[in-house]
């Protein structure tokens, strides 16, 4: 399958996943439908995103992982989904952290699509892993659930910081929280933003 079609499938799965993730986010007291489990559709969509990222090739996959793909998609089965939900509740991780990752991943998907249109696959492959990206180390989410292998879902050889810092890499998670809150109020900015508008009512904001 050509990469443009894979990108389309990735974008569609990413959008649907995020909307469902937020609707059933751990700690949402209005959501009692699944108890301590989220909907099965979540891990089905996670597998679709994992598969699309892999099908786009190692370079695209590494760039997505560098910016936190595995933090946003840390499960692919009900056991790990349950563990993730318990961890989010225990550590009181705000939904805005995952929204920030989702918005940044959406931008990378669009960048990949546009670079392929302008310069082809070789142009994207020549892009350094860390170029234009905020790294996963930006987020205070070091303890994502560990798979049955006993190994964390990110590579030990993955660089901890971007080789060439960009201005937004110096932002702190609190600024992400403020930005996502603003997006929720104004319902602007991104495809993800179309879904993000629902967060305000789910989490008691007007």
Foldseek 3Di string as FASTA:
>chain_A
DDLLVLLVQLLVLLLVLLLQCLLQPQPLPVDPPPPLWGDLVNLVSLVSNVVSQVVNDDLSVLLLVFQPSCVLSVDNDGVLRSVQSVVCVVVVPDPLLSVLSSVQVQVSSVVVNVCCVVPNPVSSSPDDSCPPHQGPLLDPPPCRDDDPVRDRPDDPPRDNGDPDDDVVNPDHVVVSVVVLVVLLVVLDDDSSSVSSVVNQVSVPHD
